[in-house]
Amino acid sequence: MNVTLDMVFSALADPTRRRILAMLLEDDMAVSDVAAPFEMSLAAISKHLAILGRARLIVQERRGRVVWCKLDPSALRAATVWMQGFGQFEPVELDAYERFLAAEALTGAPE
């Protein structure tokens, strides 16, 4: 699982790949349509798509002469479950802590 998580987070680290995932969230797209909004070569987009594919974030499928890309949310689910493990801690209530410190200062708490 750690290898898969490493690949997912590595793939998500790049803003171009995150933008591609956001585009595929809307609908499946042909590779040429994925490449259209970017100012880079089709070969560069293909490399980004390959990384997303290895991380299992997308699936590519040939339909005739066109390669289509589809979002595969299963890898994101695994990453989400992992990240939710860090949500078990209570958030620190800094305002309440600041009020406590101010009250202690006013009362002249012993040292």
PDB file of N, CA and C in Angstrom:
ATOM      1  N   MET A   1       0.824  -1.203   0.000  1.00  0.00           N
ATOM      2  CA  MET A   1       0.000   0.000   0.000  1.00  0.00           C
ATOM      3  C   MET A   1       0.864   1.261   0.000  1.00  0.00           C
ATOM      4  N   ASN A   2       2.023   1.224   0.696  1.00  0.00           N
ATOM      5  CA  ASN A   2       2.882   2.411   0.740  1.00  0.00           C
ATOM      6  C   ASN A   2       3.396   2.792  -0.634  1.00  0.00           C
ATOM      7  N   VAL A   3       3.713   1.795  -1.465  1.00  0.00           N
ATOM      8  CA  VAL A   3       4.196   2.085  -2.814  1.00  0.00           C
ATOM      9  C   VAL A   3       3.097   2.780  -3.601  1.00  0.00           C
ATOM     10  N   THR A   4       1.877   2.297  -3.479  1.00  0.00           N
ATOM     11  CA  THR A   4       0.752   2.911  -4.180  1.00  0.00           C
ATOM     12  C   THR A   4       0.522   4.328  -3.692  1.00  0.00           C
ATOM     13  N   LEU A   5       0.556   4.538  -2.391  1.00  0.00           N
ATOM     14  CA  LEU A   5       0.381   5.888  -1.844  1.00  0.00           C
ATOM     15  C   LEU A   5       1.489   6.816  -2.309  1.00  0.00           C
ATOM     16  N   ASP A   6       2.714   6.318  -2.330  1.00  0.00           N
ATOM     17  CA  ASP A   6       3.833   7.132  -2.808  1.00  0.00           C
ATOM     18  C   ASP A   6       3.596   7.567  -4.248  1.00  0.00           C
ATOM     19  N   MET A   7       3.134   6.644  -5.069  1.00  0.00           N
ATOM     20  CA  MET A   7       2.888   6.960  -6.477  1.00  0.00           C
ATOM     21  C   MET A   7       1.743   7.959  -6.620  1.00  0.00           C
ATOM     22  N   VAL A   8       0.695   7.797  -5.824  1.00  0.00           N
ATOM     23  CA  VAL A   8      -0.449   8.718  -5.878  1.00  0.00           C
ATOM     24  C   VAL A   8      -0.013  10.119  -5.492  1.00  0.00           C
ATOM     25  N   PHE A   9       0.681  10.246  -4.363  1.00  0.00           N
ATOM     26  CA  PHE A   9       1.084  11.574  -3.910  1.00  0.00           C
ATOM     27  C   PHE A   9       2.126  12.190  -4.840  1.00  0.00           C
ATOM     28  N   SER A  10       2.991  11.376  -5.398  1.00  0.00           N
ATOM     29  CA  SER A  10       3.954  11.883  -6.371  1.00  0.00           C
ATOM     30  C   SER A  10       3.232  12.405  -7.612  1.00  0.00           C
ATOM     31  N   ALA A  11       2.236  11.669  -8.072  1.00  0.00           N
ATOM     32  CA  ALA A  11       1.465  12.110  -9.242  1.00  0.00           C
ATOM     33  C   ALA A  11       0.697  13.393  -8.929  1.00  0.00           C
ATOM     34  N   LEU A  12       0.159  13.496  -7.737  1.00  0.00           N
ATOM     35  CA  LEU A  12      -0.626  14.670  -7.354  1.00  0.00           C
ATOM     36  C   LEU A  12       0.239  15.896  -7.080  1.00  0.00           C
ATOM     37  N   ALA A  13       1.534  15.704  -6.941  1.00  0.00           N
ATOM     38  CA  ALA A  13       2.422  16.825  -6.629  1.00  0.00           C
ATOM     39  C   ALA A  13       2.560  17.812  -7.787  1.00  0.00           C
ATOM     40  N   ASP A  14       2.240  17.378  -8.981  1.00  0.00           N
ATOM     41  CA  ASP A  14       2.418  18.228 -10.155  1.00  0.00           C
ATOM     42  C   ASP A  14       1.114  18.961 -10.501  1.00  0.00           C
ATOM     43  N   PRO A  15       1.147  20.280 -10.653  1.00  0.00           N
ATOM     44  CA  PRO A  15      -0.076  21.040 -10.944  1.00  0.00           C
ATOM     45  C   PRO A  15      -0.713  20.688 -12.289  1.00  0.00           C
ATOM     46  N   THR A  16       0.084  20.312 -13.268  1.00  0.00           N
ATOM     47  CA  THR A  16      -0.484  19.913 -14.562  1.00  0.00           C
ATOM     48  C   THR A  16      -1.310  18.650 -14.396  1.00  0.00           C
ATOM     49  N   ARG A  17      -0.791  17.701 -13.649  1.00  0.00           N
ATOM     50  CA  ARG A  17      -1.524  16.447 -13.447  1.00  0.00           C
ATOM     51  C   ARG A  17      -2.787  16.673 -12.614  1.00  0.00           C
ATOM     52  N   ARG A  18      -2.717  17.566 -11.639  1.00  0.00           N
ATOM     53  CA  ARG A  18      -3.931  17.876 -10.863  1.00  0.00           C
ATOM     54  C   ARG A  18      -4.985  18.516 -11.763  1.00  0.00           C
ATOM     55  N   ARG A  19      -4.543  19.371 -12.670  1.00  0.00           N
ATOM     56  CA  ARG A  19      -5.483  20.011 -13.598  1.00  0.00           C
ATOM     57  C   ARG A  19      -6.109  18.980 -14.544  1.00  0.00           C
ATOM     58  N   ILE A  20      -5.301  18.027 -14.993  1.00  0.00           N
ATOM     59  CA  ILE A  20      -5.824  16.950 -15.842  1.00  0.00           C
ATOM     60  C   ILE A  20      -6.884  16.154 -15.090  1.00  0.00           C
ATOM     61  N   LEU A  21      -6.616  15.837 -13.840  1.00  0.00           N
ATOM     62  CA  LEU A  21      -7.599  15.087 -13.041  1.00  0.00           C
ATOM     63  C   LEU A  21      -8.890  15.879 -12.882  1.00  0.00           C
ATOM     64  N   ALA A  22      -8.767  17.180 -12.679  1.00  0.00           N
ATOM     65  CA  ALA A  22      -9.960  18.021 -12.546  1.00  0.00           C
ATOM     66  C   ALA A  22     -10.765  18.014 -13.846  1.00  0.00           C
ATOM     67  N   MET A  23     -10.077  18.021 -14.980  1.00  0.00           N
ATOM     68  CA  MET A  23     -10.765  17.966 -16.268  1.00  0.00           C
ATOM     69  C   MET A  23     -11.492  16.630 -16.437  1.00  0.00           C
ATOM     70  N   LEU A  24     -10.836  15.548 -16.030  1.00  0.00           N
ATOM     71  CA  LEU A  24     -11.437  14.217 -16.179  1.00  0.00           C
ATOM     72  C   LEU A  24     -12.552  13.971 -15.173  1.00  0.00           C
ATOM     73  N   LEU A  25     -12.599  14.786 -14.150  1.00  0.00           N
ATOM     74  CA  LEU A  25     -13.697  14.691 -13.194  1.00  0.00           C
ATOM     75  C   LEU A  25     -15.032  15.004 -13.875  1.00  0.00           C
ATOM     76  N   GLU A  26     -14.975  15.878 -14.875  1.00  0.00           N
ATOM     77  CA  GLU A  26     -16.175  16.274 -15.610  1.00  0.00           C
ATOM     78  C   GLU A  26     -16.661  15.165 -16.539  1.00  0.00           C
ATOM     79  N   ASP A  27     -15.727  14.531 -17.272  1.00  0.00           N
ATOM     80  CA  ASP A  27     -16.107  13.512 -18.251  1.00  0.00           C
ATOM     81  C   ASP A  27     -14.849  12.837 -18.795  1.00  0.00           C
ATOM     82  N   ASP A  28     -15.021  11.681 -19.431  1.00  0.00           N
ATOM     83  CA  ASP A  28     -13.924  11.030 -20.133  1.00  0.00           C
ATOM     84  C   ASP A  28     -13.498  11.933 -21.279  1.00  0.00           C
ATOM     85  N   MET A  29     -12.221  11.883 -21.610  1.00  0.00           N
ATOM     86  CA  MET A  29     -11.711  12.743 -22.676  1.00  0.00           C
ATOM     87  C   MET A  29     -10.702  11.993 -23.533  1.00  0.00           C
ATOM     88  N   ALA A  30     -10.657  12.354 -24.818  1.00  0.00           N
ATOM     89  CA  ALA A  30      -9.610  11.861 -25.695  1.00  0.00           C
ATOM     90  C   ALA A  30      -8.308  12.553 -25.314  1.00  0.00           C
ATOM     91  N   VAL A  31      -7.191  11.875 -25.544  1.00  0.00           N
ATOM     92  CA  VAL A  31      -5.887  12.436 -25.198  1.00  0.00           C
ATOM     93  C   VAL A  31      -5.696  13.794 -25.857  1.00  0.00           C
ATOM     94  N   SER A  32      -6.105  13.925 -27.102  1.00  0.00           N
ATOM     95  CA  SER A  32      -5.940  15.209 -27.799  1.00  0.00           C
ATOM     96  C   SER A  32      -6.756  16.313 -27.137  1.00  0.00           C
ATOM     97  N   ASP A  33      -7.921  15.973 -26.596  1.00  0.00           N
ATOM     98  CA  ASP A  33      -8.738  16.963 -25.886  1.00  0.00           C
ATOM     99  C   ASP A  33      -8.120  17.335 -24.540  1.00  0.00           C
ATOM    100  N   VAL A  34      -7.495  16.361 -23.891  1.00  0.00           N
ATOM    101  CA  VAL A  34      -6.792  16.647 -22.636  1.00  0.00           C
ATOM    102  C   VAL A  34      -5.660  17.629 -22.908  1.00  0.00           C
ATOM    103  N   ALA A  35      -4.955  17.427 -24.009  1.00  0.00           N
ATOM    104  CA  ALA A  35      -3.784  18.246 -24.326  1.00  0.00           C
ATOM    105  C   ALA A  35      -4.144  19.660 -24.772  1.00  0.00           C
ATOM    106  N   ALA A  36      -5.336  19.848 -25.317  1.00  0.00           N
ATOM    107  CA  ALA A  36      -5.709  21.127 -25.947  1.00  0.00           C
ATOM    108  C   ALA A  36      -5.475  22.365 -25.077  1.00  0.00           C
ATOM    109  N   PRO A  37      -5.882  22.399 -23.810  1.00  0.00           N
ATOM    110  CA  PRO A  37      -5.716  23.642 -23.045  1.00  0.00           C
ATOM    111  C   PRO A  37      -4.292  23.923 -22.559  1.00  0.00           C
ATOM    112  N   PHE A  38      -3.382  22.980 -22.742  1.00  0.00           N
ATOM    113  CA  PHE A  38      -2.021  23.137 -22.228  1.00  0.00           C
ATOM    114  C   PHE A  38      -1.082  23.623 -23.321  1.00  0.00           C
ATOM    115  N   GLU A  39      -0.138  24.442 -22.925  1.00  0.00           N
ATOM    116  CA  GLU A  39       0.872  24.922 -23.859  1.00  0.00           C
ATOM    117  C   GLU A  39       2.104  24.025 -23.776  1.00  0.00           C
ATOM    118  N   MET A  40       1.896  22.761 -24.129  1.00  0.00           N
ATOM    119  CA  MET A  40       2.997  21.795 -24.172  1.00  0.00           C
ATOM    120  C   MET A  40       2.676  20.767 -25.237  1.00  0.00           C
ATOM    121  N   SER A  41       3.670  20.008 -25.594  1.00  0.00           N
ATOM    122  CA  SER A  41       3.508  19.042 -26.670  1.00  0.00           C
ATOM    123  C   SER A  41       2.604  17.883 -26.251  1.00  0.00           C
ATOM    124  N   LEU A  42       2.098  17.193 -27.250  1.00  0.00           N
ATOM    125  CA  LEU A  42       1.295  16.006 -26.991  1.00  0.00           C
ATOM    126  C   LEU A  42       2.138  14.945 -26.293  1.00  0.00           C
ATOM    127  N   ALA A  43       3.421  14.878 -26.629  1.00  0.00           N
ATOM    128  CA  ALA A  43       4.324  13.930 -25.972  1.00  0.00           C
ATOM    129  C   ALA A  43       4.457  14.238 -24.477  1.00  0.00           C
ATOM    130  N   ALA A  44       4.540  15.516 -24.122  1.00  0.00           N
ATOM    131  CA  ALA A  44       4.643  15.896 -22.708  1.00  0.00           C
ATOM    132  C   ALA A  44       3.362  15.532 -21.959  1.00  0.00           C
ATOM    133  N   ILE A  45       2.216  15.788 -22.582  1.00  0.00           N
ATOM    134  CA  ILE A  45       0.938  15.412 -21.959  1.00  0.00           C
ATOM    135  C   ILE A  45       0.861  13.898 -21.803  1.00  0.00           C
ATOM    136  N   SER A  46       1.327  13.177 -22.804  1.00  0.00           N
ATOM    137  CA  SER A  46       1.320  11.708 -22.731  1.00  0.00           C
ATOM    138  C   SER A  46       2.155  11.206 -21.562  1.00  0.00           C
ATOM    139  N   LYS A  47       3.266  11.874 -21.273  1.00  0.00           N
ATOM    140  CA  LYS A  47       4.085  11.492 -20.115  1.00  0.00           C
ATOM    141  C   LYS A  47       3.327  11.731 -18.812  1.00  0.00           C
ATOM    142  N   HIS A  48       2.635  12.863 -18.726  1.00  0.00           N
ATOM    143  CA  HIS A  48       1.819  13.133 -17.538  1.00  0.00           C
ATOM    144  C   HIS A  48       0.726  12.069 -17.389  1.00  0.00           C
ATOM    145  N   LEU A  49       0.098  11.718 -18.500  1.00  0.00           N
ATOM    146  CA  LEU A  49      -0.956  10.702 -18.458  1.00  0.00           C
ATOM    147  C   LEU A  49      -0.407   9.341 -18.053  1.00  0.00           C
ATOM    148  N   ALA A  50       0.796   9.030 -18.497  1.00  0.00           N
ATOM    149  CA  ALA A  50       1.419   7.762 -18.111  1.00  0.00           C
ATOM    150  C   ALA A  50       1.666   7.711 -16.604  1.00  0.00           C
ATOM    151  N   ILE A  51       2.121   8.813 -16.037  1.00  0.00           N
ATOM    152  CA  ILE A  51       2.347   8.877 -14.586  1.00  0.00           C
ATOM    153  C   ILE A  51       1.027   8.704 -13.840  1.00  0.00           C
ATOM    154  N   LEU A  52      -0.014   9.381 -14.308  1.00  0.00           N
ATOM    155  CA  LEU A  52      -1.338   9.224 -13.682  1.00  0.00           C
ATOM    156  C   LEU A  52      -1.830   7.796 -13.809  1.00  0.00           C
ATOM    157  N   GLY A  53      -1.540   7.173 -14.941  1.00  0.00           N
ATOM    158  CA  GLY A  53      -1.935   5.781 -15.144  1.00  0.00           C
ATOM    159  C   GLY A  53      -1.186   4.830 -14.224  1.00  0.00           C
ATOM    160  N   ARG A  54       0.126   5.026 -14.080  1.00  0.00           N
ATOM    161  CA  ARG A  54       0.909   4.165 -13.176  1.00  0.00           C
ATOM    162  C   ARG A  54       0.449   4.320 -11.730  1.00  0.00           C
ATOM    163  N   ALA A  55      -0.006   5.506 -11.383  1.00  0.00           N
ATOM    164  CA  ALA A  55      -0.520   5.739 -10.022  1.00  0.00           C
ATOM    165  C   ALA A  55      -1.951   5.236  -9.879  1.00  0.00           C
ATOM    166  N   ARG A  56      -2.502   4.726 -10.972  1.00  0.00           N
ATOM    167  CA  ARG A  56      -3.872   4.185 -11.013  1.00  0.00           C
ATOM    168  C   ARG A  56      -4.929   5.251 -10.761  1.00  0.00           C
ATOM    169  N   LEU A  57      -4.589   6.496 -11.108  1.00  0.00           N
ATOM    170  CA  LEU A  57      -5.548   7.589 -10.972  1.00  0.00           C
ATOM    171  C   LEU A  57      -6.420   7.723 -12.216  1.00  0.00           C
ATOM    172  N   ILE A  58      -5.923   7.222 -13.341  1.00  0.00           N
ATOM    173  CA  ILE A  58      -6.707   7.219 -14.575  1.00  0.00           C
ATOM    174  C   ILE A  58      -6.551   5.862 -15.256  1.00  0.00           C
ATOM    175  N   VAL A  59      -7.480   5.616 -16.164  1.00  0.00           N
ATOM    176  CA  VAL A  59      -7.423   4.437 -17.028  1.00  0.00           C
ATOM    177  C   VAL A  59      -7.484   4.947 -18.454  1.00  0.00           C
ATOM    178  N   GLN A  60      -6.633   4.399 -19.308  1.00  0.00           N
ATOM    179  CA  GLN A  60      -6.667   4.767 -20.725  1.00  0.00           C
ATOM    180  C   GLN A  60      -7.205   3.590 -21.517  1.00  0.00           C
ATOM    181  N   GLU A  61      -8.035   3.916 -22.501  1.00  0.00           N
ATOM    182  CA  GLU A  61      -8.698   2.884 -23.296  1.00  0.00           C
ATOM    183  C   GLU A  61      -8.704   3.322 -24.763  1.00  0.00           C
ATOM    184  N   ARG A  62      -8.309   2.402 -25.625  1.00  0.00           N
ATOM    185  CA  ARG A  62      -8.316   2.702 -27.058  1.00  0.00           C
ATOM    186  C   ARG A  62      -9.698   2.373 -27.616  1.00  0.00           C
ATOM    187  N   ARG A  63     -10.276   3.377 -28.278  1.00  0.00           N
ATOM    188  CA  ARG A  63     -11.553   3.209 -28.979  1.00  0.00           C
ATOM    189  C   ARG A  63     -11.306   3.581 -30.430  1.00  0.00           C
ATOM    190  N   GLY A  64     -11.123   2.579 -31.249  1.00  0.00           N
ATOM    191  CA  GLY A  64     -10.755   2.834 -32.638  1.00  0.00           C
ATOM    192  C   GLY A  64      -9.346   3.387 -32.686  1.00  0.00           C
ATOM    193  N   ARG A  65      -9.193   4.552 -33.275  1.00  0.00           N
ATOM    194  CA  ARG A  65      -7.876   5.177 -33.386  1.00  0.00           C
ATOM    195  C   ARG A  65      -7.618   6.188 -32.279  1.00  0.00           C
ATOM    196  N   VAL A  66      -8.577   6.358 -31.393  1.00  0.00           N
ATOM    197  CA  VAL A  66      -8.484   7.392 -30.358  1.00  0.00           C
ATOM    198  C   VAL A  66      -8.287   6.748 -28.987  1.00  0.00           C
ATOM    199  N   VAL A  67      -7.351   7.310 -28.215  1.00  0.00           N
ATOM    200  CA  VAL A  67      -7.137   6.861 -26.832  1.00  0.00           C
ATOM    201  C   VAL A  67      -7.921   7.790 -25.918  1.00  0.00           C
ATOM    202  N   TRP A  68      -8.766   7.191 -25.091  1.00  0.00           N
ATOM    203  CA  TRP A  68      -9.596   7.940 -24.154  1.00  0.00           C
ATOM    204  C   TRP A  68      -9.055   7.771 -22.742  1.00  0.00           C
ATOM    205  N   CYS A  69      -9.221   8.797 -21.942  1.00  0.00           N
ATOM    206  CA  CYS A  69      -8.783   8.793 -20.548  1.00  0.00           C
ATOM    207  C   CYS A  69     -10.012   8.902 -19.658  1.00  0.00           C
ATOM    208  N   LYS A  70      -9.984   8.118 -18.599  1.00  0.00           N
ATOM    209  CA  LYS A  70     -11.100   8.110 -17.652  1.00  0.00           C
ATOM    210  C   LYS A  70     -10.531   8.145 -16.239  1.00  0.00           C
ATOM    211  N   LEU A  71     -11.125   8.961 -15.400  1.00  0.00           N
ATOM    212  CA  LEU A  71     -10.718   9.051 -14.001  1.00  0.00           C
ATOM    213  C   LEU A  71     -11.042   7.742 -13.291  1.00  0.00           C
ATOM    214  N   ASP A  72     -10.115   7.255 -12.484  1.00  0.00           N
ATOM    215  CA  ASP A  72     -10.340   6.063 -11.665  1.00  0.00           C
ATOM    216  C   ASP A  72     -10.177   6.473 -10.209  1.00  0.00           C
ATOM    217  N   PRO A  73     -11.279   6.711  -9.513  1.00  0.00           N
ATOM    218  CA  PRO A  73     -11.195   7.265  -8.154  1.00  0.00           C
ATOM    219  C   PRO A  73     -10.721   6.292  -7.081  1.00  0.00           C
ATOM    220  N   SER A  74     -10.502   5.014  -7.407  1.00  0.00           N
ATOM    221  CA  SER A  74     -10.139   4.051  -6.367  1.00  0.00           C
ATOM    222  C   SER A  74      -8.807   4.392  -5.690  1.00  0.00           C
ATOM    223  N   ALA A  75      -7.820   4.847  -6.446  1.00  0.00           N
ATOM    224  CA  ALA A  75      -6.539   5.207  -5.832  1.00  0.00           C
ATOM    225  C   ALA A  75      -6.691   6.435  -4.935  1.00  0.00           C
ATOM    226  N   LEU A  76      -7.543   7.366  -5.337  1.00  0.00           N
ATOM    227  CA  LEU A  76      -7.789   8.540  -4.490  1.00  0.00           C
ATOM    228  C   LEU A  76      -8.500   8.144  -3.207  1.00  0.00           C
ATOM    229  N   ARG A  77      -9.364   7.150  -3.291  1.00  0.00           N
ATOM    230  CA  ARG A  77     -10.053   6.685  -2.074  1.00  0.00           C
ATOM    231  C   ARG A  77      -9.041   6.151  -1.064  1.00  0.00           C
ATOM    232  N   ALA A  78      -8.083   5.364  -1.534  1.00  0.00           N
ATOM    233  CA  ALA A  78      -7.073   4.812  -0.625  1.00  0.00           C
ATOM    234  C   ALA A  78      -6.263   5.935   0.023  1.00  0.00           C
ATOM    235  N   ALA A  79      -5.904   6.949  -0.750  1.00  0.00           N
ATOM    236  CA  ALA A  79      -5.159   8.081  -0.201  1.00  0.00           C
ATOM    237  C   ALA A  79      -6.017   8.857   0.790  1.00  0.00           C
ATOM    238  N   THR A  80      -7.287   9.004   0.483  1.00  0.00           N
ATOM    239  CA  THR A  80      -8.203   9.724   1.371  1.00  0.00           C
ATOM    240  C   THR A  80      -8.352   8.990   2.705  1.00  0.00           C
ATOM    241  N   VAL A  81      -8.496   7.670   2.646  1.00  0.00           N
ATOM    242  CA  VAL A  81      -8.610   6.876   3.874  1.00  0.00           C
ATOM    243  C   VAL A  81      -7.346   7.041   4.713  1.00  0.00           C
ATOM    244  N   TRP A  82      -6.187   7.025   4.062  1.00  0.00           N
ATOM    245  CA  TRP A  82      -4.933   7.203   4.781  1.00  0.00           C
ATOM    246  C   TRP A  82      -4.881   8.571   5.442  1.00  0.00           C
ATOM    247  N   MET A  83      -5.262   9.610   4.713  1.00  0.00           N
ATOM    248  CA  MET A  83      -5.206  10.970   5.258  1.00  0.00           C
ATOM    249  C   MET A  83      -6.221  11.173   6.378  1.00  0.00           C
ATOM    250  N   GLN A  84      -7.357  10.495   6.309  1.00  0.00           N
ATOM    251  CA  GLN A  84      -8.360  10.659   7.354  1.00  0.00           C
ATOM    252  C   GLN A  84      -7.858  10.157   8.696  1.00  0.00           C
ATOM    253  N   GLY A  85      -6.861   9.295   8.685  1.00  0.00           N
ATOM    254  CA  GLY A  85      -6.265   8.819   9.933  1.00  0.00           C
ATOM    255  C   GLY A  85      -5.669   9.954  10.743  1.00  0.00           C
ATOM    256  N   PHE A  86      -5.285  11.024  10.071  1.00  0.00           N
ATOM    257  CA  PHE A  86      -4.718  12.168  10.776  1.00  0.00           C
ATOM    258  C   PHE A  86      -5.798  13.096  11.307  1.00  0.00           C
ATOM    259  N   GLY A  87      -7.036  12.877  10.927  1.00  0.00           N
ATOM    260  CA  GLY A  87      -8.135  13.712  11.380  1.00  0.00           C
ATOM    261  C   GLY A  87      -8.688  13.290  12.721  1.00  0.00           C
ATOM    262  N   GLN A  88      -8.107  12.269  13.327  1.00  0.00           N
ATOM    263  CA  GLN A  88      -8.629  11.771  14.596  1.00  0.00           C
ATOM    264  C   GLN A  88      -8.282  12.669  15.781  1.00  0.00           C
ATOM    265  N   PHE A  89      -7.354  13.564  15.573  1.00  0.00           N
ATOM    266  CA  PHE A  89      -6.951  14.446  16.655  1.00  0.00           C
ATOM    267  C   PHE A  89      -7.877  15.651  16.720  1.00  0.00           C
ATOM    268  N   GLU A  90      -8.170  16.090  17.914  1.00  0.00           N
ATOM    269  CA  GLU A  90      -9.007  17.268  18.087  1.00  0.00           C
ATOM    270  C   GLU A  90      -8.249  18.510  17.652  1.00  0.00           C
ATOM    271  N   PRO A  91      -8.900  19.401  16.929  1.00  0.00           N
ATOM    272  CA  PRO A  91      -8.204  20.629  16.550  1.00  0.00           C
ATOM    273  C   PRO A  91      -7.913  21.472  17.788  1.00  0.00           C
ATOM    274  N   VAL A  92      -6.803  22.135  17.782  1.00  0.00           N
ATOM    275  CA  VAL A  92      -6.418  22.983  18.910  1.00  0.00           C
ATOM    276  C   VAL A  92      -7.255  24.257  18.850  1.00  0.00           C
ATOM    277  N   GLU A  93      -7.893  24.567  19.957  1.00  0.00           N
ATOM    278  CA  GLU A  93      -8.731  25.769  20.044  1.00  0.00           C
ATOM    279  C   GLU A  93      -7.856  26.894  20.566  1.00  0.00           C
ATOM    280  N   LEU A  94      -7.211  27.598  19.652  1.00  0.00           N
ATOM    281  CA  LEU A  94      -6.249  28.626  20.035  1.00  0.00           C
ATOM    282  C   LEU A  94      -6.907  29.821  20.723  1.00  0.00           C
ATOM    283  N   ASP A  95      -8.113  30.183  20.311  1.00  0.00           N
ATOM    284  CA  ASP A  95      -8.788  31.318  20.954  1.00  0.00           C
ATOM    285  C   ASP A  95      -9.063  31.024  22.424  1.00  0.00           C
ATOM    286  N   ALA A  96      -9.514  29.811  22.716  1.00  0.00           N
ATOM    287  CA  ALA A  96      -9.785  29.444  24.109  1.00  0.00           C
ATOM    288  C   ALA A  96      -8.481  29.408  24.910  1.00  0.00           C
ATOM    289  N   TYR A  97      -7.418  28.935  24.313  1.00  0.00           N
ATOM    290  CA  TYR A  97      -6.130  28.885  24.998  1.00  0.00           C
ATOM    291  C   TYR A  97      -5.623  30.291  25.283  1.00  0.00           C
ATOM    292  N   GLU A  98      -5.805  31.189  24.332  1.00  0.00           N
ATOM    293  CA  GLU A  98      -5.384  32.581  24.525  1.00  0.00           C
ATOM    294  C   GLU A  98      -6.185  33.231  25.658  1.00  0.00           C
ATOM    295  N   ARG A  99      -7.495  32.962  25.707  1.00  0.00           N
ATOM    296  CA  ARG A  99      -8.317  33.509  26.798  1.00  0.00           C
ATOM    297  C   ARG A  99      -7.863  32.957  28.145  1.00  0.00           C
ATOM    298  N   PHE A 100      -7.513  31.688  28.189  1.00  0.00           N
ATOM    299  CA  PHE A 100      -7.023  31.069  29.411  1.00  0.00           C
ATOM    300  C   PHE A 100      -5.740  31.751  29.884  1.00  0.00           C
ATOM    301  N   LEU A 101      -4.806  31.970  28.945  1.00  0.00           N
ATOM    302  CA  LEU A 101      -3.553  32.621  29.307  1.00  0.00           C
ATOM    303  C   LEU A 101      -3.775  34.049  29.797  1.00  0.00           C
ATOM    304  N   ALA A 102      -4.689  34.761  29.159  1.00  0.00           N
ATOM    305  CA  ALA A 102      -4.993  36.138  29.570  1.00  0.00           C
ATOM    306  C   ALA A 102      -5.591  36.142  30.968  1.00  0.00           C
ATOM    307  N   ALA A 103      -6.491  35.212  31.248  1.00  0.00           N
ATOM    308  CA  ALA A 103      -7.103  35.129  32.578  1.00  0.00           C
ATOM    309  C   ALA A 103      -6.061  34.799  33.629  1.00  0.00           C
ATOM    310  N   GLU A 104      -5.151  33.913  33.300  1.00  0.00           N
ATOM    311  CA  GLU A 104      -4.081  33.537  34.242  1.00  0.00           C
ATOM    312  C   GLU A 104      -3.184  34.746  34.520  1.00  0.00           C
ATOM    313  N   ALA A 105      -2.917  35.533  33.516  1.00  0.00           N
ATOM    314  CA  ALA A 105      -2.063  36.724  33.680  1.00  0.00           C
ATOM    315  C   ALA A 105      -2.733  37.749  34.570  1.00  0.00           C
ATOM    316  N   LEU A 106      -4.053  37.902  34.421  1.00  0.00           N
ATOM    317  CA  LEU A 106      -4.803  38.877  35.226  1.00  0.00           C
ATOM    318  C   LEU A 106      -4.880  38.470  36.695  1.00  0.00           C
ATOM    319  N   THR A 107      -5.003  37.177  36.942  1.00  0.00           N
ATOM    320  CA  THR A 107      -5.143  36.705  38.324  1.00  0.00           C
ATOM    321  C   THR A 107      -3.809  36.581  39.023  1.00  0.00           C
ATOM    322  N   GLY A 108      -2.739  36.751  38.278  1.00  0.00           N
ATOM    323  CA  GLY A 108      -1.414  36.669  38.900  1.00  0.00           C
ATOM    324  C   GLY A 108      -1.120  35.280  39.407  1.00  0.00           C
ATOM    325  N   ALA A 109      -1.321  34.329  38.568  1.00  0.00           N
ATOM    326  CA  ALA A 109      -1.108  32.926  38.948  1.00  0.00           C
ATOM    327  C   ALA A 109       0.303  32.737  39.495  1.00  0.00           C
ATOM    328  N   PRO A 110       0.409  31.966  40.563  1.00  0.00           N
ATOM    329  CA  PRO A 110       1.734  31.745  41.162  1.00  0.00           C
ATOM    330  C   PRO A 110       2.652  31.007  40.182  1.00  0.00           C
ATOM    331  N   GLU A 111       3.936  31.305  40.319  1.00  0.00           N
ATOM    332  CA  GLU A 111       4.928  30.676  39.445  1.00  0.00           C
ATOM    333  C   GLU A 111       5.394  29.386  39.983  1.00  0.00           C
TER     334      GLU A 111
END
